[in-house]
Protein backbone atom coordinates (compact mmCIF):
# COMPACT_ATOMS: atom_id res chain seq x y z
CA LEU A 1 84.32 113.56 -16.57
CA SER A 2 83.36 113.79 -20.19
CA ALA A 3 81.12 111.14 -21.69
CA GLU A 4 83.24 111.18 -24.85
CA ARG A 5 86.83 110.03 -25.21
CA THR A 6 88.96 112.88 -26.58
CA ALA A 7 92.54 114.02 -26.14
CA TYR A 8 91.29 116.55 -23.57
CA SER A 9 89.25 114.00 -21.62
CA ASP A 10 92.17 111.55 -21.65
CA PHE A 11 94.37 114.30 -20.17
CA TYR A 12 91.92 115.02 -17.34
CA VAL A 13 91.34 111.36 -16.55
CA SER A 14 95.10 110.78 -16.44
CA ALA A 15 95.49 113.79 -14.14
CA PHE A 16 92.71 112.46 -11.88
CA SER A 17 94.37 109.04 -11.70
CA LEU A 18 97.80 110.53 -10.97
CA GLY A 19 96.29 112.80 -8.33
CA VAL A 20 94.58 109.93 -6.51
CA ARG A 21 97.83 107.93 -6.43
CA THR A 22 99.90 110.95 -5.37
CA PHE A 23 97.50 112.10 -2.65
CA ALA A 24 97.67 108.66 -1.03
CA GLU A 25 101.46 109.02 -0.72
CA LEU A 26 101.68 112.61 0.53
CA LYS A 27 101.55 113.33 4.24
CA ASN A 28 99.62 116.06 6.07
CA ILE A 29 97.41 117.17 3.17
CA ASP A 30 94.08 116.15 4.74
CA TRP A 31 93.31 113.69 1.91
CA ASN A 32 90.01 111.93 2.54
CA ARG A 33 89.17 109.33 -0.12
CA CYS A 34 85.46 109.41 0.65
CA GLY A 35 84.13 109.11 -2.92
CA ALA A 36 81.74 111.25 -4.92
CA LEU A 37 78.20 110.72 -6.13
CA HIS A 38 77.28 112.60 -9.31
CA LEU A 39 73.51 112.77 -9.06
CA MET A 40 71.32 112.23 -12.12
CA THR A 41 69.22 115.32 -11.52
CA ASN A 42 67.90 115.40 -15.08
CA GLU A 43 67.70 113.18 -18.16
CA LYS A 44 70.65 114.94 -19.83
CA ARG A 45 72.95 114.01 -16.92
CA ALA A 46 71.55 110.48 -16.74
CA THR A 47 72.30 109.97 -20.44
CA ARG A 48 75.77 111.50 -20.09
CA PHE A 49 76.67 109.34 -17.08
CA ARG A 50 75.50 106.16 -18.82
CA GLN A 51 77.63 107.10 -21.85
CA THR A 52 80.56 107.81 -19.52
CA ILE A 53 80.35 104.28 -18.09
CA GLN A 54 80.11 102.78 -21.57
CA ASN A 55 82.86 104.86 -23.22
CA TRP A 56 85.46 104.71 -20.46
CA GLY A 57 85.09 101.05 -19.53
CA TRP A 58 86.49 101.45 -16.03
CA ALA A 59 86.24 98.58 -13.58
CA GLU A 60 83.29 98.85 -11.20
CA GLU A 61 85.56 99.43 -8.21
CA HIS A 62 86.47 102.81 -9.79
CA MET A 63 83.22 103.92 -11.48
CA LYS A 64 79.68 102.60 -11.46
CA LEU A 65 76.06 103.57 -11.72
CA LEU A 66 73.98 103.23 -8.58
CA ASN A 67 70.25 103.13 -8.08
CA ARG A 68 68.68 105.55 -5.61
CA GLU A 69 68.85 103.11 -2.70
CA GLU A 70 72.53 102.23 -3.28
CA ALA A 71 73.44 105.91 -3.66
CA SER A 72 71.55 106.78 -0.47
CA SER A 73 73.39 104.05 1.44
CA ILE A 74 76.79 105.39 0.37
CA ALA A 75 75.79 109.03 0.91
CA GLY A 76 74.46 108.37 4.39
CA VAL A 77 71.39 110.46 3.56
CA GLU A 78 68.21 109.67 1.66
CA LEU A 79 68.63 110.70 -2.00
CA THR A 80 65.95 111.07 -4.63
CA GLN A 81 68.11 110.23 -7.69
CA GLU A 82 70.33 107.57 -9.15
CA ALA A 83 74.03 108.47 -9.36
CA LEU A 84 77.37 107.89 -11.00
CA TYR A 85 79.74 106.81 -8.20
CA LEU A 86 83.46 107.55 -8.22
CA PRO A 87 84.81 105.95 -5.04
CA ASP A 88 88.37 107.19 -5.66
CA SER A 89 87.29 110.84 -5.35
CA GLY A 90 87.59 112.73 -2.12
CA THR A 91 88.45 115.94 -0.35
CA ILE A 92 91.79 117.56 0.26
CA SER A 93 93.23 120.75 1.72
CA PRO A 94 94.31 122.83 -1.31
CA ARG A 95 96.63 124.93 0.88
CA LYS A 96 98.32 121.87 2.38
CA LEU A 97 98.60 120.19 -1.02
CA CYS A 98 100.33 123.25 -2.51
CA GLU A 99 102.66 123.38 0.48
CA ALA A 100 103.54 119.70 -0.02
CA TYR A 101 104.19 120.20 -3.74
CA ALA A 102 106.35 123.28 -3.07
CA GLN A 103 108.44 121.67 -0.34
CA ASN A 104 112.15 122.48 -0.86
CA ILE A 105 111.34 124.76 -3.80
CA GLU A 106 111.80 128.52 -3.84
CA THR A 107 108.39 130.06 -4.48
CA HIS A 108 107.15 133.58 -5.12
CA VAL A 109 103.48 134.18 -4.50
CA ASN A 110 101.37 137.21 -5.42
CA GLU A 111 104.18 138.96 -7.27
CA LYS A 112 103.39 141.26 -10.15
CA ILE A 113 105.16 139.98 -13.25
CA GLU A 114 105.19 141.88 -16.53
CA ASN A 115 107.44 139.63 -18.62
CA LEU A 116 108.40 135.98 -18.11
CA ALA A 117 111.82 136.72 -19.63
CA ASP A 118 112.60 138.76 -16.51
CA ILE A 119 112.48 135.62 -14.37
CA LYS A 120 115.63 133.57 -13.91
CA ALA A 121 114.58 130.08 -12.92
CA ASP A 122 114.86 126.46 -14.00
CA ALA A 123 111.06 126.24 -14.27
CA ILE A 124 108.14 128.63 -14.10
CA ILE A 125 104.70 127.48 -13.04
CA LEU A 126 101.87 129.82 -13.92
CA ALA A 127 99.12 129.14 -11.40
CA CYS A 128 96.84 132.00 -12.38
CA GLY A 129 94.10 130.37 -14.42
CA MET A 130 93.03 132.44 -17.41
CA GLY A 131 95.67 135.03 -16.44
CA ALA A 132 98.29 132.72 -18.00
CA GLN A 133 97.11 133.90 -21.42
CA LYS A 134 98.73 137.27 -20.68
CA PHE A 135 102.09 135.54 -21.04
CA LEU A 136 101.17 132.74 -23.42
CA PRO A 137 98.27 133.92 -25.59
CA ALA A 138 98.28 130.75 -27.71
CA LEU A 139 97.39 128.52 -24.74
CA PRO A 140 94.03 126.87 -25.51
CA LEU A 141 92.49 127.81 -22.16
CA GLN A 142 88.77 127.92 -21.53
CA SER A 143 87.16 129.60 -18.57
CA VAL A 144 84.88 127.17 -16.72
CA ARG A 145 82.65 128.30 -13.92
CA GLY A 146 82.69 126.16 -10.82
CA GLN A 147 80.64 126.25 -7.69
CA ILE A 148 80.88 124.86 -4.21
CA THR A 149 77.90 125.21 -1.94
CA GLU A 150 78.47 125.32 1.78
CA ILE A 151 75.55 124.48 4.00
CA LYS A 152 75.01 124.61 7.73
CA VAL A 153 75.33 121.29 9.49
CA SER A 154 71.90 119.73 9.69
CA GLN A 155 70.36 116.36 10.40
CA TYR A 156 71.09 115.49 6.75
CA SER A 157 74.63 116.75 6.33
CA ARG A 158 75.80 115.40 9.70
CA ASN A 159 75.51 111.87 8.27
CA LEU A 160 76.92 112.67 4.83
CA GLY A 161 79.49 110.03 3.90
CA CYS A 162 80.79 111.35 0.57
CA ASN A 163 80.79 114.30 -1.82
CA LEU A 164 77.51 115.06 -3.60
CA CYS A 165 77.76 116.62 -7.05
CA TYR A 166 74.80 118.40 -8.63
CA ALA A 167 72.97 118.22 -5.32
CA THR A 168 70.37 120.76 -4.31
CA PRO A 169 68.24 120.66 -1.20
CA MET A 170 65.65 118.88 -3.34
CA ALA A 171 68.14 116.10 -4.12
CA TYR A 172 67.90 114.69 -0.63
CA GLN A 173 65.00 114.39 1.74
């Protein structure tokens, strides 16, 4: 989430909200509304998260700041930072979600396409990230690096009750 309200941030917040509502209605997608804690691992994040709360004005049942003790209680592990809490966040099976969205729709996956004009269809969905610019160069896409860290189950992760964002092994004891 962006701390500032812009057309782009409004789009992403609307997409998040629609996703949460849609995931609750779909079956067999492994949706787990377990929440997410965005840890304040540095002053820049702490400032940004406080501005996010102020600028978005969401009700506390959808977004709130937590002290270290409150965040630790929700996480199920001892944390060393305060956090921005988004209880509507969760985990989902991307494969199962795509299968649910594509139900009763003819799909073509991993096909080499040179020209969109060669495709005869009512709708074309380009699910290829930055590769979409090959077909639509004017799209205002921006490459954003993401990361997911997988860790072995330990005494800490076994009790984990939600997603931790910006967590490092130093973030929890």
